[in-house]
C-alpha cells in the first residue's frame, strides 16, 4: 500500500490507474515518482516560506541603508 502525497489516501496496488496515478486526485503514486512528489512538496511548503522571509529581511536591510 502506498500513501498518496497529495491527498493522503492509502492506495492499494490494484486501485492505482494504469498510469500509476491516485484514483482520487490523479497524483502519481508510483514509487519512483514518490521521491519527486516529496521533494516538490518539501520545496513548496517548507522552503518557499523560508526564502520569502529571507527576501523580506534583505529588502528591509536594503531600505535601512
PDB file of N, CA and C in Angstrom:
ATOM      1  N   UNK A   1       0.845  -1.175   0.000  1.00  0.00           N
ATOM      2  CA  UNK A   1       0.000   0.000   0.000  1.00  0.00           C
ATOM      3  C   UNK A   1       0.890   1.237   0.000  1.00  0.00           C
ATOM      4  N   UNK A   2       0.486   2.228  -0.776  1.00  0.00           N
ATOM      5  CA  UNK A   2       1.238   3.474  -0.902  1.00  0.00           C
ATOM      6  C   UNK A   2       0.317   4.611  -0.490  1.00  0.00           C
ATOM      7  N   UNK A   3       0.857   5.568   0.239  1.00  0.00           N
ATOM      8  CA  UNK A   3       0.070   6.740   0.641  1.00  0.00           C
ATOM      9  C   UNK A   3       0.308   7.845  -0.384  1.00  0.00           C
ATOM     10  N   UNK A   4      -0.780   8.391  -0.893  1.00  0.00           N
ATOM     11  CA  UNK A   4      -0.678   9.487  -1.861  1.00  0.00           C
ATOM     12  C   UNK A   4      -0.178  10.731  -1.131  1.00  0.00           C
ATOM     13  N   UNK A   5       0.834  11.353  -1.675  1.00  0.00           N
ATOM     14  CA  UNK A   5       1.425  12.528  -1.040  1.00  0.00           C
ATOM     15  C   UNK A   5       0.503  13.739  -1.159  1.00  0.00           C
ATOM     16  N   UNK A   6      -0.334  13.786  -2.181  1.00  0.00           N
ATOM     17  CA  UNK A   6      -1.188  14.955  -2.391  1.00  0.00           C
ATOM     18  C   UNK A   6      -2.452  14.908  -1.535  1.00  0.00           C
ATOM     19  N   UNK A   7      -3.203  13.790  -1.597  1.00  0.00           N
ATOM     20  CA  UNK A   7      -4.481  13.753  -0.885  1.00  0.00           C
ATOM     21  C   UNK A   7      -4.439  12.914   0.388  1.00  0.00           C
ATOM     22  N   UNK A   8      -3.357  12.143   0.600  1.00  0.00           N
ATOM     23  CA  UNK A   8      -3.214  11.359   1.810  1.00  0.00           C
ATOM     24  C   UNK A   8      -3.925  10.022   1.795  1.00  0.00           C
ATOM     25  N   UNK A   9      -4.548   9.684   0.694  1.00  0.00           N
ATOM     26  CA  UNK A   9      -5.276   8.427   0.598  1.00  0.00           C
ATOM     27  C   UNK A   9      -4.313   7.253   0.524  1.00  0.00           C
ATOM     28  N   UNK A  10      -4.646   6.178   1.228  1.00  0.00           N
ATOM     29  CA  UNK A  10      -3.889   4.937   1.097  1.00  0.00           C
ATOM     30  C   UNK A  10      -4.356   4.239  -0.165  1.00  0.00           C
ATOM     31  N   UNK A  11      -3.443   3.983  -1.081  1.00  0.00           N
ATOM     32  CA  UNK A  11      -3.784   3.411  -2.377  1.00  0.00           C
ATOM     33  C   UNK A  11      -3.197   2.013  -2.476  1.00  0.00           C
ATOM     34  N   UNK A  12      -4.050   1.044  -2.711  1.00  0.00           N
ATOM     35  CA  UNK A  12      -3.595  -0.328  -2.925  1.00  0.00           C
ATOM     36  C   UNK A  12      -3.118  -0.465  -4.362  1.00  0.00           C
ATOM     37  N   UNK A  13      -2.170  -1.356  -4.607  1.00  0.00           N
ATOM     38  CA  UNK A  13      -1.671  -1.523  -5.976  1.00  0.00           C
ATOM     39  C   UNK A  13      -2.787  -1.797  -6.989  1.00  0.00           C
ATOM     40  N   UNK A  14      -3.842  -2.494  -6.603  1.00  0.00           N
ATOM     41  CA  UNK A  14      -4.934  -2.769  -7.526  1.00  0.00           C
ATOM     42  C   UNK A  14      -5.793  -1.555  -7.836  1.00  0.00           C
ATOM     43  N   UNK A  15      -5.719  -0.515  -6.985  1.00  0.00           N
ATOM     44  CA  UNK A  15      -6.519   0.694  -7.192  1.00  0.00           C
ATOM     45  C   UNK A  15      -5.811   1.735  -8.044  1.00  0.00           C
ATOM     46  N   UNK A  16      -4.508   1.560  -8.229  1.00  0.00           N
ATOM     47  CA  UNK A  16      -3.736   2.531  -8.998  1.00  0.00           C
ATOM     48  C   UNK A  16      -4.111   2.407 -10.468  1.00  0.00           C
ATOM     49  N   UNK A  17      -4.323   3.540 -11.126  1.00  0.00           N
ATOM     50  CA  UNK A  17      -4.668   3.526 -12.543  1.00  0.00           C
ATOM     51  C   UNK A  17      -3.466   3.035 -13.349  1.00  0.00           C
ATOM     52  N   UNK A  18      -3.686   2.657 -14.625  1.00  0.00           N
ATOM     53  CA  UNK A  18      -2.568   2.158 -15.446  1.00  0.00           C
ATOM     54  C   UNK A  18      -1.400   3.141 -15.543  1.00  0.00           C
ATOM     55  N   UNK A  19      -1.667   4.422 -15.438  1.00  0.00           N
ATOM     56  CA  UNK A  19      -0.591   5.412 -15.490  1.00  0.00           C
ATOM     57  C   UNK A  19       0.100   5.610 -14.154  1.00  0.00           C
ATOM     58  N   UNK A  20      -0.272   4.828 -13.137  1.00  0.00           N
ATOM     59  CA  UNK A  20       0.342   4.949 -11.822  1.00  0.00           C
ATOM     60  C   UNK A  20      -0.158   6.137 -11.033  1.00  0.00           C
ATOM     61  N   UNK A  21      -1.435   6.479 -11.212  1.00  0.00           N
ATOM     62  CA  UNK A  21      -1.975   7.662 -10.563  1.00  0.00           C
ATOM     63  C   UNK A  21      -3.005   7.303  -9.503  1.00  0.00           C
ATOM     64  N   UNK A  22      -3.106   8.146  -8.488  1.00  0.00           N
ATOM     65  CA  UNK A  22      -4.103   8.002  -7.431  1.00  0.00           C
ATOM     66  C   UNK A  22      -5.496   8.147  -8.047  1.00  0.00           C
ATOM     67  N   UNK A  23      -6.421   7.244  -7.720  1.00  0.00           N
ATOM     68  CA  UNK A  23      -7.758   7.349  -8.311  1.00  0.00           C
ATOM     69  C   UNK A  23      -8.551   8.562  -7.814  1.00  0.00           C
ATOM     70  N   UNK A  24      -8.157   9.165  -6.707  1.00  0.00           N
ATOM     71  CA  UNK A  24      -8.899  10.301  -6.165  1.00  0.00           C
ATOM     72  C   UNK A  24      -8.410  11.635  -6.733  1.00  0.00           C
ATOM     73  N   UNK A  25      -7.109  11.886  -6.673  1.00  0.00           N
ATOM     74  CA  UNK A  25      -6.608  13.200  -7.078  1.00  0.00           C
ATOM     75  C   UNK A  25      -5.702  13.169  -8.304  1.00  0.00           C
ATOM     76  N   UNK A  26      -5.436  11.982  -8.837  1.00  0.00           N
ATOM     77  CA  UNK A  26      -4.628  11.772 -10.043  1.00  0.00           C
ATOM     78  C   UNK A  26      -3.149  12.118  -9.880  1.00  0.00           C
ATOM     79  N   UNK A  27      -2.665  12.200  -8.640  1.00  0.00           N
ATOM     80  CA  UNK A  27      -1.227  12.386  -8.424  1.00  0.00           C
ATOM     81  C   UNK A  27      -0.522  11.074  -8.739  1.00  0.00           C
ATOM     82  N   UNK A  28       0.705  11.153  -9.178  1.00  0.00           N
ATOM     83  CA  UNK A  28       1.470   9.955  -9.485  1.00  0.00           C
ATOM     84  C   UNK A  28       1.852   9.279  -8.173  1.00  0.00           C
ATOM     85  N   UNK A  29       1.575   7.980  -8.047  1.00  0.00           N
ATOM     86  CA  UNK A  29       1.856   7.278  -6.800  1.00  0.00           C
ATOM     87  C   UNK A  29       2.859   6.137  -6.976  1.00  0.00           C
ATOM     88  N   UNK A  30       3.462   6.020  -8.141  1.00  0.00           N
ATOM     89  CA  UNK A  30       4.497   5.007  -8.301  1.00  0.00           C
ATOM     90  C   UNK A  30       5.677   5.385  -7.418  1.00  0.00           C
ATOM     91  N   UNK A  31       6.395   4.387  -6.960  1.00  0.00           N
ATOM     92  CA  UNK A  31       7.483   4.662  -6.011  1.00  0.00           C
ATOM     93  C   UNK A  31       8.546   5.574  -6.589  1.00  0.00           C
ATOM     94  N   UNK A  32       8.849   5.430  -7.897  1.00  0.00           N
ATOM     95  CA  UNK A  32       9.871   6.304  -8.483  1.00  0.00           C
ATOM     96  C   UNK A  32       9.424   7.762  -8.422  1.00  0.00           C
ATOM     97  N   UNK A  33       8.137   7.984  -8.622  1.00  0.00           N
ATOM     98  CA  UNK A  33       7.622   9.343  -8.630  1.00  0.00           C
ATOM     99  C   UNK A  33       7.437   9.889  -7.220  1.00  0.00           C
ATOM    100  N   UNK A  34       7.338   9.002  -6.237  1.00  0.00           N
ATOM    101  CA  UNK A  34       7.112   9.465  -4.870  1.00  0.00           C
ATOM    102  C   UNK A  34       8.242  10.373  -4.409  1.00  0.00           C
ATOM    103  N   UNK A  35       9.486  10.040  -4.762  1.00  0.00           N
ATOM    104  CA  UNK A  35      10.610  10.883  -4.358  1.00  0.00           C
ATOM    105  C   UNK A  35      10.449  12.292  -4.917  1.00  0.00           C
ATOM    106  N   UNK A  36      10.071  12.396  -6.191  1.00  0.00           N
ATOM    107  CA  UNK A  36       9.894  13.708  -6.806  1.00  0.00           C
ATOM    108  C   UNK A  36       8.729  14.449  -6.162  1.00  0.00           C
ATOM    109  N   UNK A  37       7.626  13.753  -5.915  1.00  0.00           N
ATOM    110  CA  UNK A  37       6.468  14.391  -5.273  1.00  0.00           C
ATOM    111  C   UNK A  37       6.844  14.905  -3.886  1.00  0.00           C
ATOM    112  N   UNK A  38       7.605  14.106  -3.135  1.00  0.00           N
ATOM    113  CA  UNK A  38       8.017  14.516  -1.789  1.00  0.00           C
ATOM    114  C   UNK A  38       8.922  15.737  -1.860  1.00  0.00           C
ATOM    115  N   UNK A  39       9.857  15.742  -2.811  1.00  0.00           N
ATOM    116  CA  UNK A  39      10.744  16.894  -2.960  1.00  0.00           C
ATOM    117  C   UNK A  39       9.969  18.140  -3.373  1.00  0.00           C
ATOM    118  N   UNK A  40       9.024  17.975  -4.299  1.00  0.00           N
ATOM    119  CA  UNK A  40       8.203  19.113  -4.708  1.00  0.00           C
ATOM    120  C   UNK A  40       7.390  19.647  -3.541  1.00  0.00           C
ATOM    121  N   UNK A  41       6.802  18.747  -2.753  1.00  0.00           N
ATOM    122  CA  UNK A  41       6.007  19.142  -1.589  1.00  0.00           C
ATOM    123  C   UNK A  41       6.886  19.890  -0.587  1.00  0.00           C
ATOM    124  N   UNK A  42       8.087  19.363  -0.349  1.00  0.00           N
ATOM    125  CA  UNK A  42       9.005  19.988   0.596  1.00  0.00           C
ATOM    126  C   UNK A  42       9.393  21.379   0.121  1.00  0.00           C
ATOM    127  N   UNK A  43       9.729  21.496  -1.139  1.00  0.00           N
ATOM    128  CA  UNK A  43      10.128  22.795  -1.675  1.00  0.00           C
ATOM    129  C   UNK A  43       8.988  23.793  -1.597  1.00  0.00           C
ATOM    130  N   UNK A  44       7.803  23.344  -1.942  1.00  0.00           N
ATOM    131  CA  UNK A  44       6.652  24.236  -1.994  1.00  0.00           C
ATOM    132  C   UNK A  44       6.204  24.677  -0.600  1.00  0.00           C
ATOM    133  N   UNK A  45       6.187  23.762   0.345  1.00  0.00           N
ATOM    134  CA  UNK A  45       5.581  24.056   1.643  1.00  0.00           C
ATOM    135  C   UNK A  45       6.577  24.389   2.746  1.00  0.00           C
ATOM    136  N   UNK A  46       7.823  24.001   2.592  1.00  0.00           N
ATOM    137  CA  UNK A  46       8.797  24.271   3.648  1.00  0.00           C
ATOM    138  C   UNK A  46       9.850  25.286   3.240  1.00  0.00           C
ATOM    139  N   UNK A  47      10.356  25.173   2.027  1.00  0.00           N
ATOM    140  CA  UNK A  47      11.456  26.045   1.630  1.00  0.00           C
ATOM    141  C   UNK A  47      10.996  27.398   1.112  1.00  0.00           C
ATOM    142  N   UNK A  48       9.906  27.454   0.353  1.00  0.00           N
ATOM    143  CA  UNK A  48       9.453  28.729  -0.199  1.00  0.00           C
ATOM    144  C   UNK A  48       9.118  29.758   0.877  1.00  0.00           C
ATOM    145  N   UNK A  49       8.418  29.385   1.959  1.00  0.00           N
ATOM    146  CA  UNK A  49       8.173  30.400   3.010  1.00  0.00           C
ATOM    147  C   UNK A  49       9.473  30.902   3.649  1.00  0.00           C
ATOM    148  N   UNK A  50      10.449  29.997   3.822  1.00  0.00           N
ATOM    149  CA  UNK A  50      11.740  30.413   4.384  1.00  0.00           C
ATOM    150  C   UNK A  50      12.435  31.404   3.453  1.00  0.00           C
ATOM    151  N   UNK A  51      12.389  31.123   2.140  1.00  0.00           N
ATOM    152  CA  UNK A  51      13.026  32.013   1.178  1.00  0.00           C
ATOM    153  C   UNK A  51      12.325  33.369   1.128  1.00  0.00           C
ATOM    154  N   UNK A  52      11.002  33.362   1.276  1.00  0.00           N
ATOM    155  CA  UNK A  52      10.263  34.626   1.294  1.00  0.00           C
ATOM    156  C   UNK A  52      10.661  35.452   2.514  1.00  0.00           C
ATOM    157  N   UNK A  53      10.774  34.804   3.663  1.00  0.00           N
ATOM    158  CA  UNK A  53      11.203  35.518   4.869  1.00  0.00           C
ATOM    159  C   UNK A  53      12.602  36.095   4.693  1.00  0.00           C
ATOM    160  N   UNK A  54      13.487  35.319   4.092  1.00  0.00           N
ATOM    161  CA  UNK A  54      14.848  35.783   3.851  1.00  0.00           C
ATOM    162  C   UNK A  54      14.844  36.980   2.906  1.00  0.00           C
ATOM    163  N   UNK A  55      14.037  36.900   1.840  1.00  0.00           N
ATOM    164  CA  UNK A  55      13.952  38.012   0.897  1.00  0.00           C
ATOM    165  C   UNK A  55      13.391  39.257   1.568  1.00  0.00           C
ATOM    166  N   UNK A  56      12.394  39.089   2.425  1.00  0.00           N
ATOM    167  CA  UNK A  56      11.831  40.223   3.159  1.00  0.00           C
ATOM    168  C   UNK A  56      12.876  40.860   4.071  1.00  0.00           C
ATOM    169  N   UNK A  57      13.688  40.033   4.730  1.00  0.00           N
ATOM    170  CA  UNK A  57      14.746  40.554   5.597  1.00  0.00           C
ATOM    171  C   UNK A  57      15.782  41.325   4.790  1.00  0.00           C
ATOM    172  N   UNK A  58      16.129  40.819   3.626  1.00  0.00           N
ATOM    173  CA  UNK A  58      17.097  41.513   2.760  1.00  0.00           C
ATOM    174  C   UNK A  58      16.521  42.845   2.305  1.00  0.00           C
ATOM    175  N   UNK A  59      15.254  42.830   1.898  1.00  0.00           N
ATOM    176  CA  UNK A  59      14.617  44.074   1.454  1.00  0.00           C
ATOM    177  C   UNK A  59      14.570  45.095   2.583  1.00  0.00           C
ATOM    178  N   UNK A  60      14.262  44.667   3.792  1.00  0.00           N
ATOM    179  CA  UNK A  60      14.239  45.573   4.941  1.00  0.00           C
ATOM    180  C   UNK A  60      15.625  46.149   5.211  1.00  0.00           C
ATOM    181  N   UNK A  61      16.654  45.325   5.088  1.00  0.00           N
ATOM    182  CA  UNK A  61      18.020  45.790   5.324  1.00  0.00           C
ATOM    183  C   UNK A  61      18.438  46.804   4.265  1.00  0.00           C
ATOM    184  N   UNK A  62      18.053  46.558   3.011  1.00  0.00           N
ATOM    185  CA  UNK A  62      18.408  47.482   1.935  1.00  0.00           C
ATOM    186  C   UNK A  62      17.690  48.818   2.123  1.00  0.00           C
ATOM    187  N   UNK A  63      16.437  48.778   2.540  1.00  0.00           N
ATOM    188  CA  UNK A  63      15.697  50.016   2.780  1.00  0.00           C
ATOM    189  C   UNK A  63      16.308  50.815   3.928  1.00  0.00           C
ATOM    190  N   UNK A  64      16.934  50.128   4.877  1.00  0.00           N
ATOM    191  CA  UNK A  64      17.531  50.804   6.015  1.00  0.00           C
ATOM    192  C   UNK A  64      18.855  51.476   5.697  1.00  0.00           C
ATOM    193  N   UNK A  65      19.413  51.214   4.526  1.00  0.00           N
ATOM    194  CA  UNK A  65      20.709  51.811   4.169  1.00  0.00           C
ATOM    195  C   UNK A  65      20.590  53.234   3.735  1.00  0.00           C
TER     196      UNK A  65
END
